[in-house]
Amino acid sequence: MKNIKVLVTSFLMLTALLISSCSPDTYSLDEPMDKSDIHFEITQDLAADAGGNTVILKNTTPGVVLTWDYVTGKSSKAVETVKYAFKGNYTIKISAVTDGGIVELDPVTVTVSADNLNYVNDPLWTALSGGVGKQKSWVFDNGKYGLAPGAMSYADPSGTVEWGNFSPNWEPSGNANSSTDADMHWGRYMTFSLEGGPFMTVHEADGTTIENGSYFLDINAHTLTTNGATILRPDNYIANASNWTSNIKVLKLTDNQLRIAIMRTNSEGAWWYIWNFVSKEYADNYVPIVTEPVVDEGFNPTFASGELLKMLTGGVGAGRIWALDAAGNPVDWLAAGIGWTTGPGSSSDWGWNPDWTAVANNSWIRFDQYGGKQNYTRSQNGVVTSGLFTINAETNEINLGSETLIQNPSSWMNPTTNVIKVVKAYNSDFGTKGIWFGTSYDAGKNEWFVFHYIIP
């Protein structure tokens, strides 16, 4: 076995900086370690590979953490085994985290004299890169290829988020949540290559290279590590995570689709960002299947003359109380009538909370037809107000005059308009399915934010 070792035997001396003054306090600070006091071993295992492809990195200094940057990836393990598939010179950079700070050590270069393509000759490597001697490019999924709703998804960190076993909690369509087209840089693509090495590049839509680097795909741990180049991500998400390059979870990888997970690390708290990609070749050659849109039967309902009024009130001389479906599915975003929430927990991280439950349990709205008038009575936490309402039969809009729908001023979901739209309803099944009142519209995504009301 050929050994390449950097061993230093000098004794580690730590001194204290004593500050003497009129103050009774005395301070002691550790001085940075000298790099000659930090020991490690870098060994090529020639028994495993005659060309020296297998390299073992070993930290032999107690109390010190070494970070290895070995070209195809990075690691802070005490013992790391690296397998280089391609021949060439690899310069390994080492930095030590000590009590006195970070110490940069002298890099070590190892020479691999022969290819061992067995290390990259795997279906997953082929799916990502196109195979040995080839390259493959990937673009963000815009939600129009039938593979994912859009470029990103969210997953609860308390659940399972692993290779082949993950269930997103929310999947916005098209752009990542709150990302503009400028943030997304639609048209950019990233390329994974196995042409002479595991190289990665990021390009503008016109082919201009933005980043050059390398990557490593761990087919056993199902992780992706990049070095010198970073996966595609929207500009407004870059600051939200600090681990864009190391041990990225690979959740799904096929010839046409790549789904990976990055843990959010900013002050918002831990949460999985799932990034969805399709192969550029697949995207460039995709031909949509023309079918009738799948639209929920209750979306944008059509009412016969006076039918919506009768649904709301129960008819002339009658009244009907409606209450927010707090225990079922109180709020949702509807696109073409299709929502994504399944209950209060679906929106608990961004909207629904115990305050809303308390408000909903003590609030209701009653529509009636008495005295030749269209009246409503609104109870808000025991405070009762009333007024007259009108209906625009062409747009299914209900005008509450001077009032709004249910109120919770501390929440962004608080309705601010006196005109609510019946976005979804079932003419014959409203008694069991309820009615969805839209209070705001996102024109960019063609989505309605709705409150779901039922007959209590």
Protein backbone atom coordinates (compact mmCIF):
# COMPACT_ATOMS: atom_id res chain seq x y z
CA MET A 1 0.00 0.00 0.00
CA LYS A 2 1.39 3.36 -0.98
CA ASN A 3 1.27 5.92 1.81
CA ILE A 4 1.26 9.66 1.47
CA LYS A 5 1.48 11.03 5.02
CA VAL A 6 1.83 14.38 6.58
CA LEU A 7 2.99 13.72 10.16
CA VAL A 8 4.34 16.35 12.48
CA THR A 9 5.69 15.39 15.86
CA SER A 10 6.37 18.68 17.56
CA PHE A 11 4.74 19.18 20.95
CA LEU A 12 1.59 21.34 21.03
CA MET A 13 2.15 24.43 23.16
CA LEU A 14 -0.81 26.59 24.16
CA THR A 15 -0.13 29.93 25.79
CA ALA A 16 -2.45 32.30 27.55
CA LEU A 17 -2.61 35.95 26.79
CA LEU A 18 -2.72 37.67 30.15
CA ILE A 19 -4.08 41.13 30.21
CA SER A 20 -3.11 43.13 33.27
CA SER A 21 -4.80 46.41 34.10
CA CYS A 22 -6.61 48.16 36.88
CA SER A 23 -9.51 45.81 36.24
CA PRO A 24 -9.65 42.81 38.55
CA ASP A 25 -10.59 40.57 35.60
CA THR A 26 -7.97 38.43 33.87
CA TYR A 27 -8.68 36.90 30.45
CA SER A 28 -7.15 33.88 28.76
CA LEU A 29 -7.50 33.28 25.02
CA ASP A 30 -6.30 30.25 23.10
CA GLU A 31 -3.83 31.09 20.38
CA PRO A 32 -4.35 29.50 16.98
CA MET A 33 -2.63 26.14 16.64
CA ASP A 34 0.35 25.98 14.38
CA LYS A 35 -0.36 23.81 11.36
CA SER A 36 2.72 21.76 12.22
CA ASP A 37 0.89 20.53 15.32
CA ILE A 38 -2.01 19.09 13.33
CA HIS A 39 -1.62 15.52 12.12
CA PHE A 40 -3.47 13.60 9.41
CA GLU A 41 -2.89 10.81 6.93
CA ILE A 42 -3.80 10.59 3.26
CA THR A 43 -3.35 7.06 1.96
CA GLN A 44 -3.92 5.51 -1.46
CA ASP A 45 -5.11 1.91 -1.22
CA LEU A 46 -3.32 0.17 -4.06
CA ALA A 47 -4.77 -3.18 -3.05
CA ALA A 48 -8.24 -1.89 -3.84
CA ASP A 49 -7.16 -0.08 -7.03
CA ALA A 50 -3.79 -0.47 -8.72
CA GLY A 51 -4.20 3.04 -10.10
CA GLY A 52 -4.63 4.56 -6.65
CA ASN A 53 -8.30 5.45 -7.18
CA THR A 54 -9.25 4.66 -3.57
CA VAL A 55 -7.94 7.30 -1.20
CA ILE A 56 -8.36 7.19 2.59
CA LEU A 57 -8.37 10.47 4.51
CA LYS A 58 -7.74 10.14 8.24
CA ASN A 59 -7.65 12.75 10.98
CA THR A 60 -5.19 11.77 13.74
CA THR A 61 -5.33 14.93 15.88
CA PRO A 62 -7.66 14.64 18.91
CA GLY A 63 -9.89 17.63 19.58
CA VAL A 64 -9.54 19.01 16.06
CA VAL A 65 -12.07 18.71 13.23
CA LEU A 66 -10.62 18.51 9.74
CA THR A 67 -12.59 19.49 6.65
CA TRP A 68 -11.50 17.70 3.50
CA ASP A 69 -12.11 19.28 0.10
CA TYR A 70 -11.15 16.46 -2.22
CA VAL A 71 -12.26 17.98 -5.57
CA THR A 72 -15.28 15.73 -6.12
CA GLY A 73 -16.77 16.55 -2.74
CA LYS A 74 -16.26 17.69 0.83
CA SER A 75 -16.36 15.93 4.18
CA SER A 76 -15.66 16.50 7.87
CA LYS A 77 -15.52 12.83 8.83
CA ALA A 78 -12.62 11.62 10.93
CA VAL A 79 -12.08 8.88 8.35
CA GLU A 80 -13.32 9.35 4.79
CA THR A 81 -12.86 7.01 1.84
CA VAL A 82 -12.84 8.67 -1.56
CA LYS A 83 -13.09 6.77 -4.83
CA TYR A 84 -11.89 8.63 -7.91
CA ALA A 85 -13.29 7.13 -11.09
CA PHE A 86 -11.02 9.05 -13.45
CA LYS A 87 -7.25 9.28 -13.67
CA GLY A 88 -5.55 12.58 -12.99
CA ASN A 89 -4.03 14.72 -10.28
CA TYR A 90 -6.32 15.60 -7.39
CA THR A 91 -5.31 18.35 -4.98
CA ILE A 92 -6.90 17.83 -1.58
CA LYS A 93 -7.39 20.96 0.52
CA ILE A 94 -7.53 20.58 4.30
CA SER A 95 -8.67 23.06 6.92
CA ALA A 96 -8.71 22.46 10.69
CA VAL A 97 -11.31 23.77 13.12
CA THR A 98 -9.50 24.37 16.41
CA ASP A 99 -10.28 26.19 19.66
CA GLY A 100 -8.15 29.06 18.42
CA GLY A 101 -9.86 29.29 15.03
CA ILE A 102 -9.58 27.79 11.57
CA VAL A 103 -6.14 26.76 10.38
CA GLU A 104 -5.51 26.22 6.68
CA LEU A 105 -3.12 23.31 6.11
CA ASP A 106 -0.87 22.65 3.16
CA PRO A 107 -2.79 20.92 0.35
CA VAL A 108 -1.82 17.43 -0.72
CA THR A 109 -1.93 16.22 -4.32
CA VAL A 110 -2.52 12.57 -5.15
CA THR A 111 -2.06 11.05 -8.58
CA VAL A 112 -4.53 8.52 -9.94
CA SER A 113 -2.89 6.68 -12.82
CA ALA A 114 -5.86 4.80 -14.30
CA ASP A 115 -9.61 5.10 -14.74
CA ASN A 116 -11.93 2.89 -12.73
CA LEU A 117 -15.29 3.54 -14.34
CA ASN A 118 -16.97 0.93 -12.16
CA TYR A 119 -17.40 3.74 -9.64
CA VAL A 120 -19.71 5.66 -11.99
CA ASN A 121 -21.14 2.84 -14.10
CA ASP A 122 -24.47 2.69 -12.30
CA PRO A 123 -28.08 3.36 -13.42
CA LEU A 124 -28.32 6.39 -11.15
CA TRP A 125 -25.09 7.91 -12.43
CA THR A 126 -26.37 7.27 -15.96
CA ALA A 127 -29.75 8.83 -15.22
CA LEU A 128 -28.06 11.97 -13.87
CA SER A 129 -25.26 12.38 -16.41
CA GLY A 130 -26.23 10.34 -19.45
CA GLY A 131 -23.53 7.76 -18.75
CA VAL A 132 -19.75 7.44 -18.99
CA GLY A 133 -18.33 9.70 -21.68
CA LYS A 134 -21.58 11.69 -21.90
CA GLN A 135 -23.28 14.66 -20.32
CA LYS A 136 -26.86 15.61 -19.48
CA SER A 137 -28.57 18.91 -18.71
CA TRP A 138 -31.45 19.69 -16.37
CA VAL A 139 -33.90 22.59 -16.07
CA PHE A 140 -36.46 23.61 -13.48
CA ASP A 141 -39.82 21.90 -13.80
CA ASN A 142 -42.33 24.61 -14.72
CA GLY A 143 -45.28 22.38 -13.88
CA LYS A 144 -46.29 21.82 -17.49
CA TYR A 145 -44.62 18.46 -18.11
CA GLY A 146 -46.93 16.26 -16.04
CA LEU A 147 -44.17 15.32 -13.57
CA ALA A 148 -44.49 17.86 -10.73
CA PRO A 149 -46.81 20.84 -10.13
CA GLY A 150 -43.93 23.30 -10.28
CA ALA A 151 -40.32 24.08 -9.48
CA MET A 152 -40.51 23.48 -5.73
CA SER A 153 -42.39 21.65 -3.02
CA TYR A 154 -42.36 21.79 0.79
CA ALA A 155 -42.04 18.82 3.16
CA ASP A 156 -42.47 18.69 6.94
CA PRO A 157 -39.14 17.86 8.63
CA SER A 158 -40.99 15.74 11.19
CA GLY A 159 -41.97 13.30 8.45
CA THR A 160 -39.97 10.95 6.25
CA VAL A 161 -38.05 12.64 3.46
CA GLU A 162 -35.87 9.97 1.91
CA TRP A 163 -35.14 8.32 -1.41
CA GLY A 164 -38.45 7.06 -2.78
CA ASN A 165 -40.29 7.84 0.45
CA PHE A 166 -41.49 11.43 0.81
CA SER A 167 -44.82 13.24 0.86
CA PRO A 168 -44.76 16.98 0.18
CA ASN A 169 -47.10 19.10 2.29
CA TRP A 170 -47.46 21.83 -0.31
CA GLU A 171 -46.61 22.03 -3.99
CA PRO A 172 -47.13 25.47 -5.55
CA SER A 173 -47.71 25.46 -9.27
CA GLY A 174 -45.14 26.99 -11.62
CA ASN A 175 -42.73 29.32 -9.82
CA ALA A 176 -41.34 28.59 -6.39
CA ASN A 177 -43.42 30.22 -3.65
CA SER A 178 -43.05 34.05 -3.76
CA SER A 179 -40.51 33.83 -6.60
CA THR A 180 -40.82 36.07 -9.64
CA ASP A 181 -39.80 34.97 -13.12
CA ALA A 182 -36.65 37.06 -12.62
CA ASP A 183 -35.87 35.08 -9.43
CA MET A 184 -36.39 31.79 -11.26
CA HIS A 185 -34.10 32.58 -14.23
CA TRP A 186 -36.19 30.34 -16.47
CA GLY A 187 -33.96 29.06 -19.26
CA ARG A 188 -30.89 28.45 -17.12
CA TYR A 189 -29.72 24.85 -17.02
CA MET A 190 -27.19 22.74 -15.15
CA THR A 191 -25.13 20.00 -16.78
CA PHE A 192 -23.68 16.90 -15.15
CA SER A 193 -20.90 15.29 -17.16
CA LEU A 194 -18.86 12.08 -17.12
CA GLU A 195 -16.57 13.18 -19.94
CA GLY A 196 -13.14 12.70 -18.41
CA GLY A 197 -14.43 13.37 -14.92
CA PRO A 198 -17.54 14.13 -12.86
CA PHE A 199 -17.83 17.75 -13.96
CA MET A 200 -20.72 20.14 -13.38
CA THR A 201 -21.49 23.40 -15.13
CA VAL A 202 -24.30 25.94 -14.87
CA HIS A 203 -25.33 27.88 -17.97
CA GLU A 204 -27.47 30.80 -19.02
CA ALA A 205 -30.18 30.06 -21.57
CA ASP A 206 -27.83 31.13 -24.40
CA GLY A 207 -25.20 28.60 -23.26
CA THR A 208 -22.94 31.06 -21.47
CA THR A 209 -21.18 29.30 -18.60
CA ILE A 210 -21.90 30.76 -15.16
CA GLU A 211 -20.18 28.18 -12.93
CA ASN A 212 -17.68 25.35 -13.40
CA GLY A 213 -17.15 22.61 -10.86
CA SER A 214 -17.47 18.94 -10.04
CA TYR A 215 -19.95 16.68 -8.30
CA PHE A 216 -20.29 13.35 -6.57
CA LEU A 217 -23.37 11.12 -6.47
CA ASP A 218 -23.47 8.70 -3.56
CA ILE A 219 -25.67 5.92 -4.90
CA ASN A 220 -25.91 4.19 -1.51
CA ALA A 221 -26.76 7.19 0.66
CA HIS A 222 -28.69 8.83 -2.21
CA THR A 223 -26.97 12.17 -1.78
CA LEU A 224 -25.48 14.67 -4.20
CA THR A 225 -22.47 16.88 -3.39
CA THR A 226 -21.25 19.66 -5.65
CA ASN A 227 -17.98 21.58 -5.60
CA GLY A 228 -17.42 24.87 -7.42
CA ALA A 229 -20.92 24.92 -8.88
CA THR A 230 -24.36 25.01 -7.27
CA ILE A 231 -27.69 23.53 -8.25
CA LEU A 232 -30.26 25.81 -9.83
CA ARG A 233 -32.31 27.72 -7.27
CA PRO A 234 -34.28 31.00 -7.29
CA ASP A 235 -32.47 34.13 -6.20
CA ASN A 236 -34.87 34.80 -3.33
CA TYR A 237 -34.12 31.40 -1.74
CA ILE A 238 -30.31 31.53 -1.76
CA ALA A 239 -30.05 33.14 1.69
CA ASN A 240 -32.58 30.73 3.21
CA ALA A 241 -30.20 27.76 3.36
CA SER A 242 -26.50 27.29 4.08
CA ASN A 243 -26.16 23.75 2.70
CA TRP A 244 -26.65 24.16 -1.04
CA THR A 245 -23.66 21.98 -1.96
CA SER A 246 -23.18 19.26 0.67
CA ASN A 247 -25.03 15.97 1.02
CA ILE A 248 -28.12 17.09 -0.86
CA LYS A 249 -30.86 14.48 -0.49
CA VAL A 250 -31.80 12.79 -3.76
CA LEU A 251 -35.47 11.82 -3.49
CA LYS A 252 -36.16 10.71 -7.03
CA LEU A 253 -33.97 10.26 -10.10
CA THR A 254 -35.19 8.87 -13.41
CA ASP A 255 -34.26 9.49 -17.02
CA ASN A 256 -36.60 12.49 -17.12
CA GLN A 257 -37.01 13.70 -13.53
CA LEU A 258 -34.78 14.76 -10.65
CA ARG A 259 -36.16 15.71 -7.22
CA ILE A 260 -33.76 16.78 -4.47
CA ALA A 261 -34.22 18.19 -0.95
CA ILE A 262 -32.43 21.02 0.84
CA MET A 263 -33.06 21.82 4.52
CA ARG A 264 -34.02 25.43 5.23
CA THR A 265 -31.59 26.85 7.81
CA ASN A 266 -32.62 30.49 8.27
CA SER A 267 -34.59 32.02 11.16
CA GLU A 268 -37.88 30.64 9.80
CA GLY A 269 -36.89 27.23 11.16
CA ALA A 270 -36.18 23.80 9.75
CA TRP A 271 -38.22 22.80 6.70
CA TRP A 272 -37.46 20.80 3.59
CA TYR A 273 -37.31 22.58 0.25
CA ILE A 274 -37.84 20.05 -2.53
CA TRP A 275 -36.53 21.20 -5.89
CA ASN A 276 -38.00 19.66 -9.02
CA PHE A 277 -36.13 19.34 -12.32
CA VAL A 278 -36.68 17.72 -15.70
CA SER A 279 -34.03 16.80 -18.22
CA LYS A 280 -33.49 19.55 -20.76
CA GLU A 281 -33.87 17.12 -23.63
CA TYR A 282 -37.22 15.99 -22.25
CA ALA A 283 -38.36 19.60 -21.79
CA ASP A 284 -37.19 20.70 -25.24
CA ASN A 285 -39.04 17.84 -26.93
CA TYR A 286 -42.13 17.71 -24.73
CA VAL A 287 -45.41 17.75 -26.60
CA PRO A 288 -48.40 18.31 -24.30
CA ILE A 289 -51.22 15.83 -24.50
CA VAL A 290 -54.28 17.83 -25.45
CA THR A 291 -57.13 16.87 -23.16
CA GLU A 292 -60.04 18.62 -21.58
CA PRO A 293 -58.94 20.35 -18.37
CA VAL A 294 -59.70 18.54 -15.17
CA VAL A 295 -62.04 20.93 -13.39
CA ASP A 296 -63.89 20.21 -10.20
CA GLU A 297 -67.63 20.18 -10.91
CA GLY A 298 -68.23 22.76 -8.21
CA PHE A 299 -65.78 25.34 -9.56
CA ASN A 300 -67.20 28.63 -10.84
CA PRO A 301 -70.75 27.28 -10.57
CA THR A 302 -73.62 28.39 -12.77
CA PHE A 303 -76.87 29.17 -10.97
CA ALA A 304 -80.37 29.46 -12.35
CA SER A 305 -82.11 32.76 -11.63
CA GLY A 306 -82.45 33.22 -7.88
CA GLU A 307 -80.81 29.88 -7.10
CA LEU A 308 -77.73 31.30 -5.31
CA LEU A 309 -79.96 33.52 -3.18
CA LYS A 310 -82.08 30.52 -2.26
CA MET A 311 -78.96 28.51 -1.39
CA LEU A 312 -77.73 31.22 0.93
CA THR A 313 -81.03 31.98 2.66
CA GLY A 314 -83.23 28.94 2.31
CA GLY A 315 -85.84 30.92 0.37
CA VAL A 316 -88.33 33.74 0.88
CA GLY A 317 -89.32 34.12 4.52
CA ALA A 318 -86.41 31.92 5.64
CA GLY A 319 -82.85 32.28 6.88
CA ARG A 320 -79.78 30.07 6.96
CA ILE A 321 -76.68 30.17 9.18
CA TRP A 322 -73.25 29.45 7.71
CA ALA A 323 -70.12 28.78 9.81
CA LEU A 324 -66.46 28.37 8.91
CA ASP A 325 -65.43 24.71 8.57
CA ALA A 326 -62.83 25.02 11.35
CA ALA A 327 -62.65 21.30 12.14
CA GLY A 328 -62.67 20.23 8.49
CA ASN A 329 -60.85 22.25 5.86
CA PRO A 330 -61.34 25.95 6.61
CA VAL A 331 -59.03 27.65 4.08
CA ASP A 332 -57.58 26.75 0.71
CA TRP A 333 -56.06 28.04 -2.50
CA LEU A 334 -58.12 27.00 -5.52
CA ALA A 335 -56.68 26.83 -9.04
CA ALA A 336 -59.26 25.72 -11.62
CA GLY A 337 -61.32 24.55 -8.68
CA ILE A 338 -58.63 22.23 -7.39
CA GLY A 339 -57.22 22.95 -3.93
CA TRP A 340 -54.30 21.49 -2.01
CA THR A 341 -55.19 21.72 1.69
CA THR A 342 -56.84 18.81 3.47
CA GLY A 343 -57.40 20.33 6.89
CA PRO A 344 -56.21 23.03 9.32
CA GLY A 345 -52.83 21.34 9.63
CA SER A 346 -52.11 21.81 5.93
CA SER A 347 -51.74 25.54 6.43
CA SER A 348 -50.58 25.61 10.02
CA ASP A 349 -47.10 26.88 9.10
CA TRP A 350 -48.33 29.83 7.07
CA GLY A 351 -51.88 30.62 8.05
CA TRP A 352 -54.17 28.61 10.29
CA ASN A 353 -53.46 28.77 14.02
CA PRO A 354 -55.23 28.48 17.40
CA ASP A 355 -56.34 32.14 17.16
CA TRP A 356 -58.27 31.32 14.01
CA THR A 357 -59.86 28.29 15.66
CA ALA A 358 -61.04 30.45 18.55
CA VAL A 359 -62.47 33.06 16.18
CA ALA A 360 -64.15 30.48 13.95
CA ASN A 361 -65.79 28.65 16.84
CA ASN A 362 -67.52 31.86 17.99
CA SER A 363 -68.47 33.37 14.63
CA TRP A 364 -71.08 32.80 11.93
CA ILE A 365 -73.02 34.63 9.22
CA ARG A 366 -76.77 34.30 8.56
CA PHE A 367 -78.44 35.23 5.29
CA ASP A 368 -82.23 35.65 5.16
CA GLN A 369 -85.12 37.03 3.11
CA TYR A 370 -87.61 38.87 5.28
CA GLY A 371 -89.77 41.90 4.69
CA GLY A 372 -88.88 41.98 1.03
CA LYS A 373 -85.23 42.57 1.89
CA GLN A 374 -82.00 40.54 1.66
CA ASN A 375 -80.56 40.69 5.16
CA TYR A 376 -77.52 39.27 6.83
CA THR A 377 -76.54 38.97 10.47
CA ARG A 378 -72.91 38.51 11.36
CA SER A 379 -71.68 37.26 14.74
CA GLN A 380 -68.04 37.91 15.48
CA ASN A 381 -66.88 36.58 18.88
CA GLY A 382 -70.30 37.35 20.33
CA VAL A 383 -70.57 40.81 18.73
CA VAL A 384 -73.57 40.84 16.38
CA THR A 385 -73.91 43.23 13.45
CA SER A 386 -76.37 43.24 10.57
CA GLY A 387 -76.95 44.80 7.19
CA LEU A 388 -78.26 44.28 3.67
CA PHE A 389 -76.55 42.27 0.96
CA THR A 390 -76.87 42.15 -2.81
CA ILE A 391 -75.91 39.50 -5.36
CA ASN A 392 -74.33 40.02 -8.77
CA ALA A 393 -75.79 37.03 -10.61
CA GLU A 394 -73.33 37.33 -13.51
CA THR A 395 -70.21 37.09 -11.35
CA ASN A 396 -71.56 35.16 -8.30
CA GLU A 397 -70.41 38.02 -6.07
CA ILE A 398 -72.03 38.88 -2.75
CA ASN A 399 -71.77 42.49 -1.55
CA LEU A 400 -72.03 42.82 2.24
CA GLY A 401 -72.31 46.59 2.21
CA SER A 402 -70.30 48.04 5.09
CA GLU A 403 -69.14 44.72 6.57
CA THR A 404 -66.57 42.08 5.69
CA LEU A 405 -66.51 38.33 6.25
CA ILE A 406 -65.05 36.71 9.40
CA GLN A 407 -62.36 38.88 11.01
CA ASN A 408 -59.00 38.13 12.65
CA PRO A 409 -57.02 41.39 12.33
CA SER A 410 -53.75 39.81 13.52
CA SER A 411 -53.64 37.49 10.51
CA TRP A 412 -52.69 38.18 6.90
CA MET A 413 -55.67 35.99 5.89
CA ASN A 414 -58.07 38.52 7.39
CA PRO A 415 -60.60 39.48 4.64
CA THR A 416 -60.42 43.17 3.78
CA THR A 417 -63.12 43.36 1.11
CA ASN A 418 -66.88 43.65 1.50
CA VAL A 419 -67.39 41.77 -1.78
CA ILE A 420 -66.94 38.00 -1.62
CA LYS A 421 -67.16 35.62 -4.57
CA VAL A 422 -68.74 32.19 -4.62
CA VAL A 423 -65.80 30.38 -6.17
CA LYS A 424 -67.00 26.86 -5.56
CA ALA A 425 -70.40 25.41 -4.65
CA TYR A 426 -72.60 22.43 -5.36
CA ASN A 427 -76.14 23.27 -6.36
CA SER A 428 -77.67 20.11 -4.94
CA ASP A 429 -75.08 19.05 -2.34
CA PHE A 430 -74.37 22.33 -0.57
CA GLY A 431 -75.91 20.90 2.60
CA THR A 432 -73.08 18.38 2.95
CA LYS A 433 -70.28 19.99 0.94
CA GLY A 434 -70.74 23.65 1.84
CA ILE A 435 -69.68 26.71 -0.11
CA TRP A 436 -66.33 28.38 -0.79
CA PHE A 437 -66.15 32.18 -0.45
CA GLY A 438 -63.21 33.77 -2.26
CA THR A 439 -61.77 36.88 -0.62
CA SER A 440 -58.65 37.51 -2.72
CA TYR A 441 -57.41 36.57 -6.17
CA ASP A 442 -53.85 35.96 -7.38
CA ALA A 443 -53.98 36.90 -11.05
CA GLY A 444 -50.42 35.71 -11.68
CA LYS A 445 -51.27 32.16 -10.66
CA ASN A 446 -55.00 32.25 -11.41
CA GLU A 447 -55.70 31.17 -7.83
CA TRP A 448 -58.39 32.14 -5.34
CA PHE A 449 -57.86 32.25 -1.60
CA VAL A 450 -61.07 30.88 -0.11
CA PHE A 451 -62.85 30.29 3.17
CA HIS A 452 -64.96 27.12 3.34
CA TYR A 453 -68.35 27.63 5.02
CA ILE A 454 -70.76 24.88 5.96
CA ILE A 455 -74.22 24.62 7.50
CA PRO A 456 -73.58 23.79 11.18
